Amino acid sequence: MDTLAELRQRLETALSPTLLEISDQSTQHAGHASAKGGGHYTVVIRCAAFADKSLIQQHRLVYDAAGDLMDSAVHALSIQVKKPE
C-alpha cells in the first residue's frame, strides 16, 4: 500500500472524519537536503474528536493516528484541522 493510502486508512480508522483531504506535496520539496527519507503531505481533516480540544491536542490526535509512518514514510505533515460543524 502506498503512503498516501496508508495514511488515509489510519486517519479514517482512528478518527472517523467527516472531511478528509490528503495531498502529496513531495514533488514541491524534491532536492532539498531533508527531503530524502519520506514524503511531504498536507491533511485537511474535520472530526467529532476535535470538539473541545486545543489546536495542539487536535494535531496530536492526527500524529498519533499516523503512528510509525511519521518515523519513516512521512517526512513532513501539514495539518489543517476543522472543528465539527
PDB file of N, CA and C in Angstrom:
ATOM      1  N   MET A   1       0.853  -1.180   0.000  1.00  0.00           N
ATOM      2  CA  MET A   1       0.000   0.000   0.000  1.00  0.00           C
ATOM      3  C   MET A   1       0.895   1.239   0.000  1.00  0.00           C
ATOM      4  N   ASP A   2       0.521   2.241  -0.772  1.00  0.00           N
ATOM      5  CA  ASP A   2       1.340   3.445  -0.801  1.00  0.00           C
ATOM      6  C   ASP A   2       1.094   4.291   0.450  1.00  0.00           C
ATOM      7  N   THR A   3       1.992   5.214   0.705  1.00  0.00           N
ATOM      8  CA  THR A   3       1.950   6.010   1.925  1.00  0.00           C
ATOM      9  C   THR A   3       0.673   6.820   2.038  1.00  0.00           C
ATOM     10  N   LEU A   4       0.246   7.450   0.956  1.00  0.00           N
ATOM     11  CA  LEU A   4      -0.964   8.259   1.000  1.00  0.00           C
ATOM     12  C   LEU A   4      -2.176   7.400   1.370  1.00  0.00           C
ATOM     13  N   ALA A   5      -2.302   6.244   0.771  1.00  0.00           N
ATOM     14  CA  ALA A   5      -3.418   5.341   1.071  1.00  0.00           C
ATOM     15  C   ALA A   5      -3.341   4.837   2.505  1.00  0.00           C
ATOM     16  N   GLU A   6      -2.149   4.522   2.962  1.00  0.00           N
ATOM     17  CA  GLU A   6      -1.968   4.052   4.344  1.00  0.00           C
ATOM     18  C   GLU A   6      -2.314   5.151   5.338  1.00  0.00           C
ATOM     19  N   LEU A   7      -1.883   6.369   5.063  1.00  0.00           N
ATOM     20  CA  LEU A   7      -2.192   7.497   5.933  1.00  0.00           C
ATOM     21  C   LEU A   7      -3.701   7.721   5.979  1.00  0.00           C
ATOM     22  N   ARG A   8      -4.348   7.688   4.823  1.00  0.00           N
ATOM     23  CA  ARG A   8      -5.811   7.844   4.757  1.00  0.00           C
ATOM     24  C   ARG A   8      -6.511   6.779   5.593  1.00  0.00           C
ATOM     25  N   GLN A   9      -6.099   5.529   5.428  1.00  0.00           N
ATOM     26  CA  GLN A   9      -6.727   4.426   6.157  1.00  0.00           C
ATOM     27  C   GLN A   9      -6.566   4.610   7.667  1.00  0.00           C
ATOM     28  N   ARG A  10      -5.380   4.994   8.105  1.00  0.00           N
ATOM     29  CA  ARG A  10      -5.137   5.165   9.538  1.00  0.00           C
ATOM     30  C   ARG A  10      -5.970   6.301  10.119  1.00  0.00           C
ATOM     31  N   LEU A  11      -6.054   7.423   9.400  1.00  0.00           N
ATOM     32  CA  LEU A  11      -6.841   8.554   9.893  1.00  0.00           C
ATOM     33  C   LEU A  11      -8.327   8.211   9.915  1.00  0.00           C
ATOM     34  N   GLU A  12      -8.807   7.533   8.884  1.00  0.00           N
ATOM     35  CA  GLU A  12     -10.218   7.143   8.852  1.00  0.00           C
ATOM     36  C   GLU A  12     -10.546   6.176   9.978  1.00  0.00           C
ATOM     37  N   THR A  13      -9.683   5.221  10.224  1.00  0.00           N
ATOM     38  CA  THR A  13      -9.916   4.228  11.263  1.00  0.00           C
ATOM     39  C   THR A  13      -9.884   4.853  12.659  1.00  0.00           C
ATOM     40  N   ALA A  14      -8.906   5.694  12.907  1.00  0.00           N
ATOM     41  CA  ALA A  14      -8.726   6.246  14.252  1.00  0.00           C
ATOM     42  C   ALA A  14      -9.681   7.389  14.573  1.00  0.00           C
ATOM     43  N   LEU A  15     -10.028   8.201  13.559  1.00  0.00           N
ATOM     44  CA  LEU A  15     -10.754   9.442  13.855  1.00  0.00           C
ATOM     45  C   LEU A  15     -12.135   9.543  13.218  1.00  0.00           C
ATOM     46  N   SER A  16     -12.489   8.657  12.308  1.00  0.00           N
ATOM     47  CA  SER A  16     -13.782   8.704  11.614  1.00  0.00           C
ATOM     48  C   SER A  16     -14.130  10.121  11.158  1.00  0.00           C
ATOM     49  N   PRO A  17     -13.285  10.725  10.346  1.00  0.00           N
ATOM     50  CA  PRO A  17     -13.512  12.118   9.950  1.00  0.00           C
ATOM     51  C   PRO A  17     -14.734  12.282   9.038  1.00  0.00           C
ATOM     52  N   THR A  18     -15.360  13.453   9.138  1.00  0.00           N
ATOM     53  CA  THR A  18     -16.448  13.802   8.226  1.00  0.00           C
ATOM     54  C   THR A  18     -15.888  14.534   7.012  1.00  0.00           C
ATOM     55  N   LEU A  19     -14.651  14.989   7.105  1.00  0.00           N
ATOM     56  CA  LEU A  19     -13.925  15.605   5.994  1.00  0.00           C
ATOM     57  C   LEU A  19     -12.486  15.129   6.085  1.00  0.00           C
ATOM     58  N   LEU A  20     -11.967  14.619   4.990  1.00  0.00           N
ATOM     59  CA  LEU A  20     -10.565  14.203   4.955  1.00  0.00           C
ATOM     60  C   LEU A  20     -10.029  14.398   3.547  1.00  0.00           C
ATOM     61  N   GLU A  21      -9.092  15.312   3.425  1.00  0.00           N
ATOM     62  CA  GLU A  21      -8.406  15.550   2.160  1.00  0.00           C
ATOM     63  C   GLU A  21      -6.915  15.423   2.433  1.00  0.00           C
ATOM     64  N   ILE A  22      -6.256  14.603   1.663  1.00  0.00           N
ATOM     65  CA  ILE A  22      -4.810  14.413   1.815  1.00  0.00           C
ATOM     66  C   ILE A  22      -4.167  14.640   0.455  1.00  0.00           C
ATOM     67  N   SER A  23      -3.140  15.469   0.431  1.00  0.00           N
ATOM     68  CA  SER A  23      -2.413  15.676  -0.815  1.00  0.00           C
ATOM     69  C   SER A  23      -0.926  15.447  -0.582  1.00  0.00           C
ATOM     70  N   ASP A  24      -0.310  14.887  -1.595  1.00  0.00           N
ATOM     71  CA  ASP A  24       1.122  14.600  -1.562  1.00  0.00           C
ATOM     72  C   ASP A  24       1.845  15.803  -2.154  1.00  0.00           C
ATOM     73  N   GLN A  25       2.605  16.491  -1.339  1.00  0.00           N
ATOM     74  CA  GLN A  25       3.345  17.684  -1.743  1.00  0.00           C
ATOM     75  C   GLN A  25       4.826  17.392  -1.968  1.00  0.00           C
ATOM     76  N   SER A  26       5.193  16.138  -2.030  1.00  0.00           N
ATOM     77  CA  SER A  26       6.603  15.729  -2.083  1.00  0.00           C
ATOM     78  C   SER A  26       7.362  16.331  -3.259  1.00  0.00           C
ATOM     79  N   THR A  27       6.719  16.432  -4.421  1.00  0.00           N
ATOM     80  CA  THR A  27       7.427  16.952  -5.594  1.00  0.00           C
ATOM     81  C   THR A  27       7.841  18.408  -5.404  1.00  0.00           C
ATOM     82  N   GLN A  28       7.137  19.148  -4.572  1.00  0.00           N
ATOM     83  CA  GLN A  28       7.481  20.544  -4.311  1.00  0.00           C
ATOM     84  C   GLN A  28       8.719  20.675  -3.427  1.00  0.00           C
ATOM     85  N   HIS A  29       9.129  19.564  -2.815  1.00  0.00           N
ATOM     86  CA  HIS A  29      10.259  19.599  -1.891  1.00  0.00           C
ATOM     87  C   HIS A  29      11.449  18.778  -2.381  1.00  0.00           C
ATOM     88  N   ALA A  30      11.367  18.292  -3.583  1.00  0.00           N
ATOM     89  CA  ALA A  30      12.452  17.484  -4.135  1.00  0.00           C
ATOM     90  C   ALA A  30      13.729  18.311  -4.208  1.00  0.00           C
ATOM     91  N   GLY A  31      14.810  17.692  -3.799  1.00  0.00           N
ATOM     92  CA  GLY A  31      16.099  18.343  -3.934  1.00  0.00           C
ATOM     93  C   GLY A  31      16.621  19.028  -2.687  1.00  0.00           C
ATOM     94  N   HIS A  32      15.767  19.335  -1.718  1.00  0.00           N
ATOM     95  CA  HIS A  32      16.353  19.927  -0.519  1.00  0.00           C
ATOM     96  C   HIS A  32      16.850  18.831   0.406  1.00  0.00           C
ATOM     97  N   ALA A  33      17.805  19.166   1.208  1.00  0.00           N
ATOM     98  CA  ALA A  33      18.579  18.188   1.975  1.00  0.00           C
ATOM     99  C   ALA A  33      17.723  17.274   2.831  1.00  0.00           C
ATOM    100  N   SER A  34      16.660  17.789   3.412  1.00  0.00           N
ATOM    101  CA  SER A  34      15.878  16.959   4.324  1.00  0.00           C
ATOM    102  C   SER A  34      14.749  16.217   3.620  1.00  0.00           C
ATOM    103  N   ALA A  35      14.646  16.314   2.314  1.00  0.00           N
ATOM    104  CA  ALA A  35      13.549  15.674   1.586  1.00  0.00           C
ATOM    105  C   ALA A  35      13.700  14.160   1.496  1.00  0.00           C
ATOM    106  N   LYS A  36      14.917  13.651   1.620  1.00  0.00           N
ATOM    107  CA  LYS A  36      15.096  12.212   1.498  1.00  0.00           C
ATOM    108  C   LYS A  36      14.577  11.496   2.744  1.00  0.00           C
ATOM    109  N   GLY A  37      14.065  10.302   2.527  1.00  0.00           N
ATOM    110  CA  GLY A  37      13.628   9.501   3.649  1.00  0.00           C
ATOM    111  C   GLY A  37      12.151   9.634   3.992  1.00  0.00           C
ATOM    112  N   GLY A  38      11.366  10.285   3.161  1.00  0.00           N
ATOM    113  CA  GLY A  38       9.939  10.362   3.423  1.00  0.00           C
ATOM    114  C   GLY A  38       9.292  11.475   2.644  1.00  0.00           C
ATOM    115  N   GLY A  39       7.970  11.397   2.535  1.00  0.00           N
ATOM    116  CA  GLY A  39       7.237  12.370   1.754  1.00  0.00           C
ATOM    117  C   GLY A  39       6.693  13.524   2.566  1.00  0.00           C
ATOM    118  N   HIS A  40       6.232  14.527   1.848  1.00  0.00           N
ATOM    119  CA  HIS A  40       5.609  15.715   2.428  1.00  0.00           C
ATOM    120  C   HIS A  40       4.113  15.655   2.097  1.00  0.00           C
ATOM    121  N   TYR A  41       3.272  15.730   3.104  1.00  0.00           N
ATOM    122  CA  TYR A  41       1.835  15.607   2.906  1.00  0.00           C
ATOM    123  C   TYR A  41       1.090  16.744   3.599  1.00  0.00           C
ATOM    124  N   THR A  42      -0.062  17.096   3.019  1.00  0.00           N
ATOM    125  CA  THR A  42      -0.970  18.057   3.633  1.00  0.00           C
ATOM    126  C   THR A  42      -2.277  17.338   3.917  1.00  0.00           C
ATOM    127  N   VAL A  43      -2.775  17.516   5.148  1.00  0.00           N
ATOM    128  CA  VAL A  43      -4.025  16.897   5.569  1.00  0.00           C
ATOM    129  C   VAL A  43      -4.998  17.992   5.979  1.00  0.00           C
ATOM    130  N   VAL A  44      -6.200  17.946   5.427  1.00  0.00           N
ATOM    131  CA  VAL A  44      -7.310  18.786   5.878  1.00  0.00           C
ATOM    132  C   VAL A  44      -8.319  17.811   6.466  1.00  0.00           C
ATOM    133  N   ILE A  45      -8.669  17.994   7.735  1.00  0.00           N
ATOM    134  CA  ILE A  45      -9.492  17.000   8.415  1.00  0.00           C
ATOM    135  C   ILE A  45     -10.478  17.657   9.378  1.00  0.00           C
ATOM    136  N   ARG A  46     -11.686  17.084   9.436  1.00  0.00           N
ATOM    137  CA  ARG A  46     -12.707  17.506  10.394  1.00  0.00           C
ATOM    138  C   ARG A  46     -13.250  16.230  11.038  1.00  0.00           C
ATOM    139  N   CYS A  47     -13.349  16.235  12.354  1.00  0.00           N
ATOM    140  CA  CYS A  47     -13.946  15.087  13.027  1.00  0.00           C
ATOM    141  C   CYS A  47     -14.467  15.491  14.400  1.00  0.00           C
ATOM    142  N   ALA A  48     -15.381  14.698  14.901  1.00  0.00           N
ATOM    143  CA  ALA A  48     -16.002  14.967  16.195  1.00  0.00           C
ATOM    144  C   ALA A  48     -14.980  14.948  17.330  1.00  0.00           C
ATOM    145  N   ALA A  49     -13.923  14.184  17.177  1.00  0.00           N
ATOM    146  CA  ALA A  49     -12.908  14.086  18.229  1.00  0.00           C
ATOM    147  C   ALA A  49     -12.221  15.414  18.506  1.00  0.00           C
ATOM    148  N   PHE A  50     -12.323  16.380  17.585  1.00  0.00           N
ATOM    149  CA  PHE A  50     -11.671  17.681  17.768  1.00  0.00           C
ATOM    150  C   PHE A  50     -12.462  18.636  18.658  1.00  0.00           C
ATOM    151  N   ALA A  51     -13.720  18.308  18.930  1.00  0.00           N
ATOM    152  CA  ALA A  51     -14.544  19.180  19.764  1.00  0.00           C
ATOM    153  C   ALA A  51     -13.892  19.344  21.140  1.00  0.00           C
ATOM    154  N   ASP A  52     -13.861  20.567  21.618  1.00  0.00           N
ATOM    155  CA  ASP A  52     -13.327  20.885  22.952  1.00  0.00           C
ATOM    156  C   ASP A  52     -11.848  20.552  23.120  1.00  0.00           C
ATOM    157  N   LYS A  53     -11.113  20.454  22.006  1.00  0.00           N
ATOM    158  CA  LYS A  53      -9.668  20.197  22.064  1.00  0.00           C
ATOM    159  C   LYS A  53      -8.923  21.432  21.579  1.00  0.00           C
ATOM    160  N   SER A  54      -7.755  21.662  22.150  1.00  0.00           N
ATOM    161  CA  SER A  54      -6.903  22.748  21.669  1.00  0.00           C
ATOM    162  C   SER A  54      -6.297  22.336  20.331  1.00  0.00           C
ATOM    163  N   LEU A  55      -5.738  23.302  19.613  1.00  0.00           N
ATOM    164  CA  LEU A  55      -5.102  23.011  18.338  1.00  0.00           C
ATOM    165  C   LEU A  55      -3.982  21.981  18.509  1.00  0.00           C
ATOM    166  N   ILE A  56      -3.207  22.128  19.550  1.00  0.00           N
ATOM    167  CA  ILE A  56      -2.119  21.169  19.815  1.00  0.00           C
ATOM    168  C   ILE A  56      -2.684  19.774  20.057  1.00  0.00           C
ATOM    169  N   GLN A  57      -3.757  19.666  20.804  1.00  0.00           N
ATOM    170  CA  GLN A  57      -4.367  18.365  21.061  1.00  0.00           C
ATOM    171  C   GLN A  57      -4.938  17.755  19.780  1.00  0.00           C
ATOM    172  N   GLN A  58      -5.516  18.599  18.924  1.00  0.00           N
ATOM    173  CA  GLN A  58      -6.044  18.116  17.652  1.00  0.00           C
ATOM    174  C   GLN A  58      -4.925  17.566  16.780  1.00  0.00           C
ATOM    175  N   HIS A  59      -3.819  18.300  16.696  1.00  0.00           N
ATOM    176  CA  HIS A  59      -2.675  17.844  15.909  1.00  0.00           C
ATOM    177  C   HIS A  59      -2.107  16.554  16.486  1.00  0.00           C
ATOM    178  N   ARG A  60      -2.070  16.451  17.800  1.00  0.00           N
ATOM    179  CA  ARG A  60      -1.553  15.236  18.445  1.00  0.00           C
ATOM    180  C   ARG A  60      -2.409  14.029  18.050  1.00  0.00           C
ATOM    181  N   LEU A  61      -3.732  14.202  17.975  1.00  0.00           N
ATOM    182  CA  LEU A  61      -4.607  13.104  17.553  1.00  0.00           C
ATOM    183  C   LEU A  61      -4.252  12.634  16.138  1.00  0.00           C
ATOM    184  N   VAL A  62      -3.971  13.573  15.251  1.00  0.00           N
ATOM    185  CA  VAL A  62      -3.601  13.229  13.879  1.00  0.00           C
ATOM    186  C   VAL A  62      -2.256  12.507  13.864  1.00  0.00           C
ATOM    187  N   TYR A  63      -1.268  13.053  14.572  1.00  0.00           N
ATOM    188  CA  TYR A  63       0.051  12.410  14.617  1.00  0.00           C
ATOM    189  C   TYR A  63      -0.033  11.015  15.237  1.00  0.00           C
ATOM    190  N   ASP A  64      -0.829  10.873  16.292  1.00  0.00           N
ATOM    191  CA  ASP A  64      -0.987   9.559  16.918  1.00  0.00           C
ATOM    192  C   ASP A  64      -1.609   8.561  15.944  1.00  0.00           C
ATOM    193  N   ALA A  65      -2.586   9.019  15.162  1.00  0.00           N
ATOM    194  CA  ALA A  65      -3.215   8.132  14.179  1.00  0.00           C
ATOM    195  C   ALA A  65      -2.224   7.736  13.089  1.00  0.00           C
ATOM    196  N   ALA A  66      -1.368   8.665  12.677  1.00  0.00           N
ATOM    197  CA  ALA A  66      -0.354   8.359  11.654  1.00  0.00           C
ATOM    198  C   ALA A  66       0.661   7.359  12.179  1.00  0.00           C
ATOM    199  N   GLY A  67       0.901   7.400  13.470  1.00  0.00           N
ATOM    200  CA  GLY A  67       1.772   6.417  14.119  1.00  0.00           C
ATOM    201  C   GLY A  67       3.170   6.351  13.538  1.00  0.00           C
ATOM    202  N   ASP A  68       3.630   5.129  13.268  1.00  0.00           N
ATOM    203  CA  ASP A  68       5.007   4.908  12.822  1.00  0.00           C
ATOM    204  C   ASP A  68       5.288   5.410  11.410  1.00  0.00           C
ATOM    205  N   LEU A  69       4.265   5.835  10.665  1.00  0.00           N
ATOM    206  CA  LEU A  69       4.531   6.452   9.361  1.00  0.00           C
ATOM    207  C   LEU A  69       5.370   7.712   9.534  1.00  0.00           C
ATOM    208  N   MET A  70       5.220   8.370  10.683  1.00  0.00           N
ATOM    209  CA  MET A  70       5.964   9.599  10.949  1.00  0.00           C
ATOM    210  C   MET A  70       7.459   9.321  11.157  1.00  0.00           C
ATOM    211  N   ASP A  71       7.805   8.083  11.409  1.00  0.00           N
ATOM    212  CA  ASP A  71       9.206   7.717  11.627  1.00  0.00           C
ATOM    213  C   ASP A  71       9.950   7.393  10.336  1.00  0.00           C
ATOM    214  N   SER A  72       9.208   7.188   9.240  1.00  0.00           N
ATOM    215  CA  SER A  72       9.895   6.770   8.016  1.00  0.00           C
ATOM    216  C   SER A  72       9.240   7.313   6.749  1.00  0.00           C
ATOM    217  N   ALA A  73       8.008   6.939   6.493  1.00  0.00           N
ATOM    218  CA  ALA A  73       7.367   7.252   5.221  1.00  0.00           C
ATOM    219  C   ALA A  73       6.936   8.710   5.104  1.00  0.00           C
ATOM    220  N   VAL A  74       6.711   9.379   6.230  1.00  0.00           N
ATOM    221  CA  VAL A  74       6.290  10.779   6.217  1.00  0.00           C
ATOM    222  C   VAL A  74       7.393  11.628   6.819  1.00  0.00           C
ATOM    223  N   HIS A  75       7.913  12.525   6.019  1.00  0.00           N
ATOM    224  CA  HIS A  75       8.952  13.446   6.500  1.00  0.00           C
ATOM    225  C   HIS A  75       8.318  14.697   7.100  1.00  0.00           C
ATOM    226  N   ALA A  76       7.266  15.200   6.453  1.00  0.00           N
ATOM    227  CA  ALA A  76       6.601  16.415   6.919  1.00  0.00           C
ATOM    228  C   ALA A  76       5.099  16.268   6.717  1.00  0.00           C
ATOM    229  N   LEU A  77       4.347  16.748   7.706  1.00  0.00           N
ATOM    230  CA  LEU A  77       2.898  16.675   7.657  1.00  0.00           C
ATOM    231  C   LEU A  77       2.325  18.033   8.038  1.00  0.00           C
ATOM    232  N   SER A  78       1.672  18.675   7.080  1.00  0.00           N
ATOM    233  CA  SER A  78       0.989  19.925   7.329  1.00  0.00           C
ATOM    234  C   SER A  78      -0.465  19.596   7.634  1.00  0.00           C
ATOM    235  N   ILE A  79      -0.961  20.050   8.781  1.00  0.00           N
ATOM    236  CA  ILE A  79      -2.305  19.690   9.221  1.00  0.00           C
ATOM    237  C   ILE A  79      -3.183  20.927   9.316  1.00  0.00           C
ATOM    238  N   GLN A  80      -4.324  20.859   8.680  1.00  0.00           N
ATOM    239  CA  GLN A  80      -5.342  21.899   8.805  1.00  0.00           C
ATOM    240  C   GLN A  80      -6.577  21.236   9.395  1.00  0.00           C
ATOM    241  N   VAL A  81      -6.843  21.508  10.672  1.00  0.00           N
ATOM    242  CA  VAL A  81      -7.983  20.883  11.326  1.00  0.00           C
ATOM    243  C   VAL A  81      -9.188  21.801  11.241  1.00  0.00           C
ATOM    244  N   LYS A  82     -10.331  21.183  11.103  1.00  0.00           N
ATOM    245  CA  LYS A  82     -11.605  21.880  11.066  1.00  0.00           C
ATOM    246  C   LYS A  82     -12.444  21.334  12.213  1.00  0.00           C
ATOM    247  N   LYS A  83     -12.921  22.222  13.065  1.00  0.00           N
ATOM    248  CA  LYS A  83     -13.775  21.762  14.166  1.00  0.00           C
ATOM    249  C   LYS A  83     -15.114  21.289  13.607  1.00  0.00           C
ATOM    250  N   PRO A  84     -15.768  20.380  14.312  1.00  0.00           N
ATOM    251  CA  PRO A  84     -17.059  19.876  13.850  1.00  0.00           C
ATOM    252  C   PRO A  84     -18.059  21.011  13.654  1.00  0.00           C
ATOM    253  N   GLU A  85     -18.920  20.842  12.663  1.00  0.00           N
ATOM    254  CA  GLU A  85     -19.939  21.858  12.380  1.00  0.00           C
ATOM    255  C   GLU A  85     -21.083  21.755  13.337  1.00  0.00           C
TER     256      GLU A  85
END
